[in-house]
Amino acid sequence: MGLVLGSAFLGAVIGGLNARRRGGRPLDIAQYAAAFAIAFALLGLIASVIISRIMLG
């Protein structure tokens, strides 16, 4: 659970910074942050499932 939330937060930060660097307006920044957060959360969920399956054998 922590891995998913942490990766979602990291994705939101990266997405927001990316949009700001490109000169986006506040709604652009919010959209980038949300999209990156969803994508990173999905990757974190996949990583969490893989790690749990490896640990359980």
C-alpha atoms as a PDB file:
ATOM      1  CA  MET A   1       0.000   0.000   0.000  1.00  0.00           C
ATOM      2  CA  GLY A   2       2.809   2.380   0.869  1.00  0.00           C
ATOM      3  CA  LEU A   3       4.585   1.657  -2.386  1.00  0.00           C
ATOM      4  CA  VAL A   4       1.494   2.549  -4.397  1.00  0.00           C
ATOM      5  CA  LEU A   5       0.827   5.790  -2.521  1.00  0.00           C
ATOM      6  CA  GLY A   6       4.484   6.768  -2.583  1.00  0.00           C
ATOM      7  CA  SER A   7       4.774   6.188  -6.295  1.00  0.00           C
ATOM      8  CA  ALA A   8       1.528   8.105  -6.919  1.00  0.00           C
ATOM      9  CA  PHE A   9       2.877  11.064  -4.939  1.00  0.00           C
ATOM     10  CA  LEU A  10       6.180  10.898  -6.812  1.00  0.00           C
ATOM     11  CA  GLY A  11       4.315  10.786 -10.121  1.00  0.00           C
ATOM     12  CA  ALA A  12       2.224  13.809  -9.178  1.00  0.00           C
ATOM     13  CA  VAL A  13       5.329  15.791  -8.288  1.00  0.00           C
ATOM     14  CA  ILE A  14       7.137  14.792 -11.478  1.00  0.00           C
ATOM     15  CA  GLY A  15       4.075  15.535 -13.606  1.00  0.00           C
ATOM     16  CA  GLY A  16       3.515  18.917 -12.001  1.00  0.00           C
ATOM     17  CA  LEU A  17       7.135  19.919 -12.412  1.00  0.00           C
ATOM     18  CA  ASN A  18       7.129  18.718 -15.999  1.00  0.00           C
ATOM     19  CA  ALA A  19       4.063  20.807 -16.856  1.00  0.00           C
ATOM     20  CA  ARG A  20       5.450  23.860 -15.070  1.00  0.00           C
ATOM     21  CA  ARG A  21       8.738  23.527 -16.958  1.00  0.00           C
ATOM     22  CA  ARG A  22       6.793  23.489 -20.232  1.00  0.00           C
ATOM     23  CA  GLY A  23       5.037  26.715 -19.235  1.00  0.00           C
ATOM     24  CA  GLY A  24       1.643  25.236 -18.517  1.00  0.00           C
ATOM     25  CA  ARG A  25      -1.252  27.020 -16.888  1.00  0.00           C
ATOM     26  CA  PRO A  26      -2.539  25.838 -13.499  1.00  0.00           C
ATOM     27  CA  LEU A  27      -5.090  23.454 -15.019  1.00  0.00           C
ATOM     28  CA  ASP A  28      -2.401  21.999 -17.295  1.00  0.00           C
ATOM     29  CA  ILE A  29      -0.204  21.432 -14.266  1.00  0.00           C
ATOM     30  CA  ALA A  30      -3.078  19.732 -12.434  1.00  0.00           C
ATOM     31  CA  GLN A  31      -3.839  17.513 -15.411  1.00  0.00           C
ATOM     32  CA  TYR A  32      -0.214  16.460 -15.820  1.00  0.00           C
ATOM     33  CA  ALA A  33       0.052  15.806 -12.089  1.00  0.00           C
ATOM     34  CA  ALA A  34      -3.086  13.645 -12.110  1.00  0.00           C
ATOM     35  CA  ALA A  35      -2.074  11.695 -15.202  1.00  0.00           C
ATOM     36  CA  PHE A  36       1.436  11.024 -13.911  1.00  0.00           C
ATOM     37  CA  ALA A  37       0.071  10.083 -10.482  1.00  0.00           C
ATOM     38  CA  ILE A  38      -2.282   7.518 -12.016  1.00  0.00           C
ATOM     39  CA  ALA A  39       0.450   6.070 -14.221  1.00  0.00           C
ATOM     40  CA  PHE A  40       2.984   5.853 -11.390  1.00  0.00           C
ATOM     41  CA  ALA A  41       0.385   4.370  -9.020  1.00  0.00           C
ATOM     42  CA  LEU A  42      -0.339   1.665 -11.569  1.00  0.00           C
ATOM     43  CA  LEU A  43       3.365   0.895 -11.875  1.00  0.00           C
ATOM     44  CA  GLY A  44       3.649   0.860  -8.085  1.00  0.00           C
ATOM     45  CA  LEU A  45       0.710  -1.542  -7.852  1.00  0.00           C
ATOM     46  CA  ILE A  46       2.315  -3.901 -10.347  1.00  0.00           C
ATOM     47  CA  ALA A  47       5.620  -3.714  -8.480  1.00  0.00           C
ATOM     48  CA  SER A  48       3.821  -4.362  -5.185  1.00  0.00           C
ATOM     49  CA  VAL A  49       2.113  -7.462  -6.554  1.00  0.00           C
ATOM     50  CA  ILE A  50       5.385  -8.795  -7.968  1.00  0.00           C
ATOM     51  CA  ILE A  51       7.218  -8.179  -4.694  1.00  0.00           C
ATOM     52  CA  SER A  52       4.497  -9.848  -2.621  1.00  0.00           C
ATOM     53  CA  ARG A  53       4.434 -12.895  -4.888  1.00  0.00           C
ATOM     54  CA  ILE A  54       8.201 -13.231  -4.684  1.00  0.00           C
ATOM     55  CA  MET A  55       8.139 -12.966  -0.889  1.00  0.00           C
ATOM     56  CA  LEU A  56       5.348 -15.525  -0.505  1.00  0.00           C
ATOM     57  CA  GLY A  57       7.150 -17.950  -2.766  1.00  0.00           C
END
